Amino acid sequence: MEVHNAATGLNSSISDQEFSLFQRYFHEHIGLQLTSVKKPLLCGRLSKRLNALGLDSYRAYYNLLVSKSGGEERETAIDLITTHETYFFREPKHFELLQSKVIPSLHASPELRVWSAASSTGEEAYTLAMVLDSFRSPKPWSITASDISRQVLVNAQRGLYPMSRGERIPAHYLKRYCLRGNGRYSGYFMVESALRARVDFVPGNLTQSENNLGLFDVILLRNVLIYFDPPTKLLVLHNVMERLKPGGWLMVGHSESLHDTRLPLELITPSVYRKVGV
């Protein structure tokens, strides 16, 4: 079977053999599981790079990715193929729980450390910052936000978003922490600089151990496990669990479950766990 990308005018098609090369490539590098139904998605996202580079086949593009000179293009391909759907205060029950239970339970902690894993364009991290600044300050707290895509991290650090992306931010947070853009930034808002400074955005691959990050009291690993096959999902969870303090809180997406992982986790409420151990 071959898929022709008529939408872009690309005079080439991707064969099953070529698609299998990309399946293996993205699985080995970022743990992403691309099933056969994702073939049109891959063509739609990568065909623009073939056109831009003047390449006439997906095999030629694959050869570029695996070449010694393909480092920059590898980052571009990973950025294109990974999904960055997110928004402020997504799955709000998690942030309500942080406010009502998690932050109070860590009141005696010298510094409350939170990791927004797979943070994408930063909405989750800045949502956390708003909640922590409101309910933890002036006691110390910090947020580390990581993602496989360096480009989305650049965008996240800017903290600049279309006004439509702020629709879910409660009015009092929007007024306190966000600035409405003027002139060429009309129709946008920016997270205030003091709050942006409290979030450390770093590149990270969840399929690799992140020992340099230290340990965290709370980790958000939401809506990312669904993109991995079972072995990779377990690998990611083990890597994340290494960074979670005993008694620390782990939050996953509401559609994700960890019941078959046999990890030292106690279910607190659907999608919220605590690490068991002393």
Protein backbone atom coordinates (compact mmCIF):
# COMPACT_ATOMS: atom_id res chain seq x y z
CA MET A 1 0.00 0.00 0.00
CA GLU A 2 1.21 3.51 -0.82
CA VAL A 3 -0.10 6.88 0.31
CA HIS A 4 0.16 9.77 -2.14
CA ASN A 5 0.15 13.25 -0.62
CA ALA A 6 -1.87 15.10 -3.23
CA ALA A 7 -2.60 17.99 -0.86
CA THR A 8 0.97 19.27 -1.06
CA GLY A 9 1.66 18.40 -4.69
CA LEU A 10 4.49 16.10 -3.64
CA ASN A 11 5.32 13.86 -6.59
CA SER A 12 6.20 10.92 -4.43
CA SER A 13 4.42 8.46 -2.20
CA ILE A 14 5.40 6.60 0.91
CA SER A 15 5.62 2.84 0.69
CA ASP A 16 5.02 0.41 3.50
CA GLN A 17 8.76 -0.21 3.62
CA GLU A 18 9.54 3.49 3.95
CA PHE A 19 6.85 3.94 6.59
CA SER A 20 8.33 1.07 8.60
CA LEU A 21 11.68 2.90 8.59
CA PHE A 22 10.05 5.95 10.19
CA GLN A 23 8.11 3.76 12.61
CA ARG A 24 11.34 2.21 13.84
CA TYR A 25 13.21 5.54 13.80
CA PHE A 26 10.71 7.46 15.95
CA HIS A 27 10.23 4.50 18.28
CA GLU A 28 13.97 4.16 18.89
CA HIS A 29 14.58 7.89 19.39
CA ILE A 30 11.54 9.10 21.32
CA GLY A 31 9.52 5.96 22.08
CA LEU A 32 6.65 7.07 19.84
CA GLN A 33 4.36 4.33 18.56
CA LEU A 34 3.20 5.03 15.00
CA THR A 35 0.57 2.49 13.96
CA SER A 36 -0.34 1.98 10.31
CA VAL A 37 -3.35 4.27 10.61
CA LYS A 38 -0.90 7.14 11.30
CA LYS A 39 0.62 6.88 7.82
CA PRO A 40 -1.43 9.80 6.40
CA LEU A 41 -0.53 11.86 9.48
CA LEU A 42 3.18 11.23 8.97
CA CYS A 43 2.91 12.13 5.27
CA GLY A 44 0.95 15.26 6.02
CA ARG A 45 3.50 16.51 8.55
CA LEU A 46 6.74 15.52 6.82
CA SER A 47 5.85 16.25 3.20
CA LYS A 48 6.41 19.98 3.74
CA ARG A 49 10.02 19.23 4.69
CA LEU A 50 10.54 17.16 1.54
CA ASN A 51 9.27 20.08 -0.52
CA ALA A 52 11.40 22.61 1.38
CA LEU A 53 14.55 20.51 0.98
CA GLY A 54 13.90 19.54 -2.64
CA LEU A 55 13.80 15.82 -1.87
CA ASP A 56 11.82 13.50 -4.13
CA SER A 57 11.16 10.60 -1.74
CA TYR A 58 10.55 9.76 1.89
CA ARG A 59 13.50 7.38 1.72
CA ALA A 60 15.76 10.33 0.84
CA TYR A 61 14.38 12.24 3.83
CA TYR A 62 14.95 9.24 6.10
CA ASN A 63 18.55 8.99 4.85
CA LEU A 64 19.04 12.64 5.80
CA LEU A 65 17.69 12.05 9.31
CA VAL A 66 20.10 9.20 10.01
CA SER A 67 23.12 10.95 8.45
CA LYS A 68 25.84 12.69 10.45
CA SER A 69 24.70 16.05 9.11
CA GLY A 70 21.05 15.48 9.99
CA GLY A 71 21.07 16.73 13.58
CA GLU A 72 19.11 19.93 12.99
CA GLU A 73 16.63 18.21 10.71
CA ARG A 74 16.10 15.46 13.30
CA GLU A 75 14.88 18.07 15.77
CA THR A 76 12.58 19.52 13.11
CA ALA A 77 11.14 16.09 12.29
CA ILE A 78 10.55 15.25 15.96
CA ASP A 79 8.84 18.61 16.44
CA LEU A 80 6.57 17.97 13.44
CA ILE A 81 5.62 14.41 14.31
CA THR A 82 4.89 14.88 18.01
CA THR A 83 1.54 16.18 19.19
CA HIS A 84 1.46 19.43 21.17
CA GLU A 85 -2.22 19.71 22.05
CA THR A 86 -2.60 21.40 25.42
CA TYR A 87 -4.29 24.36 27.07
CA PHE A 88 -4.41 26.25 30.35
CA PHE A 89 -6.15 24.50 33.26
CA ARG A 90 -6.62 21.31 31.25
CA GLU A 91 -8.30 18.64 33.40
CA PRO A 92 -9.02 21.20 36.16
CA LYS A 93 -9.69 18.63 38.90
CA HIS A 94 -5.94 18.08 39.15
CA PHE A 95 -5.35 21.74 39.94
CA GLU A 96 -8.24 21.77 42.39
CA LEU A 97 -6.61 18.80 44.15
CA LEU A 98 -3.27 20.61 44.21
CA GLN A 99 -4.93 23.56 45.88
CA SER A 100 -7.06 21.64 48.39
CA LYS A 101 -4.88 18.64 49.31
CA VAL A 102 -1.45 18.37 47.72
CA ILE A 103 0.00 21.77 48.60
CA PRO A 104 -1.31 21.66 52.20
CA SER A 105 0.15 18.15 52.64
CA LEU A 106 3.58 19.51 51.66
CA HIS A 107 3.41 22.58 53.87
CA ALA A 108 6.46 21.50 55.90
CA SER A 109 8.58 20.77 52.82
CA PRO A 110 11.57 23.17 52.58
CA GLU A 111 10.96 23.58 48.84
CA LEU A 112 8.03 22.22 46.87
CA ARG A 113 9.38 20.92 43.55
CA VAL A 114 7.06 20.13 40.63
CA TRP A 115 7.92 18.56 37.27
CA SER A 116 5.73 19.17 34.25
CA ALA A 117 6.87 16.29 32.05
CA ALA A 118 6.06 16.56 28.34
CA SER A 119 5.17 20.19 28.96
CA SER A 120 4.67 21.11 25.30
CA THR A 121 4.09 24.85 24.74
CA GLY A 122 4.02 25.67 28.45
CA GLU A 123 0.35 26.04 29.34
CA GLU A 124 0.49 23.29 31.96
CA ALA A 125 3.64 24.68 33.57
CA TYR A 126 2.26 28.20 33.78
CA THR A 127 -1.02 26.90 35.17
CA LEU A 128 0.99 25.18 37.90
CA ALA A 129 2.90 28.40 38.52
CA MET A 130 -0.32 30.37 38.98
CA VAL A 131 -1.64 27.84 41.49
CA LEU A 132 1.63 27.54 43.41
CA ASP A 133 2.15 31.28 43.57
CA SER A 134 -1.38 31.68 44.92
CA PHE A 135 -1.37 28.85 47.45
CA ARG A 136 2.29 28.12 48.26
CA SER A 137 4.05 31.51 48.27
CA PRO A 138 5.93 32.92 50.08
CA LYS A 139 7.23 29.45 50.98
CA PRO A 140 9.74 28.26 48.35
CA TRP A 141 8.57 26.38 45.26
CA SER A 142 9.94 25.66 41.79
CA ILE A 143 8.74 24.16 38.52
CA THR A 144 10.78 22.24 35.97
CA ALA A 145 9.12 21.76 32.58
CA SER A 146 10.58 19.43 29.96
CA ASP A 147 9.76 18.36 26.43
CA ILE A 148 11.38 16.42 23.60
CA SER A 149 10.83 19.31 21.19
CA ARG A 150 13.24 22.20 21.56
CA GLN A 151 11.07 24.43 19.38
CA VAL A 152 8.04 24.18 21.65
CA LEU A 153 10.30 24.99 24.60
CA VAL A 154 11.41 28.18 22.86
CA ASN A 155 7.75 29.14 22.39
CA ALA A 156 6.95 28.18 25.98
CA GLN A 157 9.70 30.40 27.38
CA ARG A 158 8.19 33.39 25.59
CA GLY A 159 4.88 32.84 27.38
CA LEU A 160 2.97 34.51 24.54
CA TYR A 161 -0.41 33.07 23.55
CA PRO A 162 -3.47 34.01 21.46
CA MET A 163 -6.29 35.39 23.61
CA SER A 164 -8.40 32.36 22.68
CA ARG A 165 -5.94 30.14 24.57
CA GLY A 166 -6.74 31.98 27.80
CA GLU A 167 -10.47 31.23 27.79
CA ARG A 168 -10.11 28.55 30.48
CA ILE A 169 -7.99 30.66 32.81
CA PRO A 170 -10.12 31.83 35.77
CA ALA A 171 -10.69 35.58 35.61
CA HIS A 172 -8.75 36.37 38.78
CA TYR A 173 -5.69 34.46 37.51
CA LEU A 174 -5.95 36.10 34.09
CA LYS A 175 -6.04 39.55 35.68
CA ARG A 176 -3.22 38.83 38.13
CA TYR A 177 -0.73 36.94 35.99
CA CYS A 178 -1.36 37.83 32.34
CA LEU A 179 -0.78 40.99 30.31
CA ARG A 180 -2.92 41.90 27.30
CA GLY A 181 -0.90 42.63 24.16
CA ASN A 182 -1.01 45.91 22.22
CA GLY A 183 0.02 46.93 18.72
CA ARG A 184 1.43 44.01 16.79
CA TYR A 185 0.65 41.79 19.79
CA SER A 186 -3.02 42.75 19.75
CA GLY A 187 -5.10 39.60 20.18
CA TYR A 188 -2.42 38.00 22.36
CA PHE A 189 -1.59 37.86 26.04
CA MET A 190 1.70 37.23 27.81
CA VAL A 191 2.34 35.51 31.11
CA GLU A 192 3.96 38.09 33.38
CA SER A 193 7.75 38.02 33.57
CA ALA A 194 7.90 37.30 37.32
CA LEU A 195 5.90 34.10 36.84
CA ARG A 196 7.82 33.07 33.71
CA ALA A 197 11.04 33.38 35.70
CA ARG A 198 9.80 30.74 38.15
CA VAL A 199 9.56 28.03 35.46
CA ASP A 200 12.70 26.28 34.20
CA PHE A 201 12.15 24.87 30.69
CA VAL A 202 14.63 22.14 29.75
CA PRO A 203 14.88 19.61 26.89
CA GLY A 204 14.18 16.05 27.95
CA ASN A 205 13.45 12.60 26.55
CA LEU A 206 11.18 10.54 28.79
CA THR A 207 12.59 7.29 27.43
CA GLN A 208 15.93 8.20 29.01
CA SER A 209 16.87 8.58 32.66
CA GLU A 210 16.86 12.22 33.79
CA ASN A 211 19.13 12.00 36.84
CA ASN A 212 20.23 15.61 36.47
CA LEU A 213 16.75 16.88 37.32
CA GLY A 214 16.83 15.85 40.97
CA LEU A 215 13.77 14.68 42.91
CA PHE A 216 10.25 16.09 42.87
CA ASP A 217 7.30 16.26 45.26
CA VAL A 218 4.78 16.33 42.40
CA ILE A 219 5.06 15.11 38.81
CA LEU A 220 2.49 15.70 36.06
CA LEU A 221 2.81 13.11 33.28
CA ARG A 222 -0.48 13.76 31.56
CA ASN A 223 -1.80 12.63 28.18
CA VAL A 224 1.53 11.31 26.94
CA LEU A 225 1.54 7.61 27.89
CA ILE A 226 -1.15 6.92 25.27
CA TYR A 227 1.46 7.50 22.55
CA PHE A 228 3.73 4.66 23.73
CA ASP A 229 3.52 0.90 23.30
CA PRO A 230 3.35 -1.12 26.59
CA PRO A 231 7.13 -1.74 26.98
CA THR A 232 7.98 1.91 26.28
CA LYS A 233 5.19 3.08 28.57
CA LEU A 234 6.68 1.01 31.39
CA LEU A 235 10.18 2.36 30.63
CA VAL A 236 8.90 5.94 30.78
CA LEU A 237 7.08 5.28 34.04
CA HIS A 238 10.19 3.76 35.63
CA ASN A 239 12.25 6.79 34.56
CA VAL A 240 9.66 9.17 35.96
CA MET A 241 9.27 7.20 39.21
CA GLU A 242 13.03 7.54 39.79
CA ARG A 243 12.49 11.31 40.01
CA LEU A 244 9.54 11.12 42.43
CA LYS A 245 10.17 11.36 46.15
CA PRO A 246 8.68 8.68 48.44
CA GLY A 247 5.18 9.89 49.26
CA GLY A 248 5.27 12.15 46.20
CA TRP A 249 2.28 12.73 43.95
CA LEU A 250 1.98 11.52 40.34
CA MET A 251 -0.79 12.76 38.04
CA VAL A 252 -1.55 11.19 34.67
CA GLY A 253 -4.25 11.97 32.12
CA HIS A 254 -7.84 11.10 33.02
CA SER A 255 -7.92 8.60 30.15
CA GLU A 256 -4.74 6.85 31.31
CA SER A 257 -4.46 4.04 33.83
CA LEU A 258 -1.50 2.49 35.63
CA HIS A 259 -3.25 -0.54 37.12
CA ASP A 260 -1.15 -3.11 35.23
CA THR A 261 2.27 -1.56 35.86
CA ARG A 262 3.06 -3.08 39.29
CA LEU A 263 4.77 0.12 40.33
CA PRO A 264 4.97 1.22 43.99
CA LEU A 265 1.98 3.53 43.62
CA GLU A 266 -1.14 4.01 45.70
CA LEU A 267 -4.24 5.17 43.83
CA ILE A 268 -5.64 8.27 45.56
CA THR A 269 -8.33 9.18 43.05
CA PRO A 270 -8.68 8.34 39.34
CA SER A 271 -5.49 9.48 37.55
CA VAL A 272 -3.79 10.58 40.81
CA TYR A 273 -1.27 8.40 42.66
CA ARG A 274 1.23 8.60 45.52
CA LYS A 275 4.56 6.81 45.61
CA VAL A 276 4.71 4.17 48.32
CA GLY A 277 7.90 3.82 50.36
CA VAL A 278 9.99 5.37 53.09
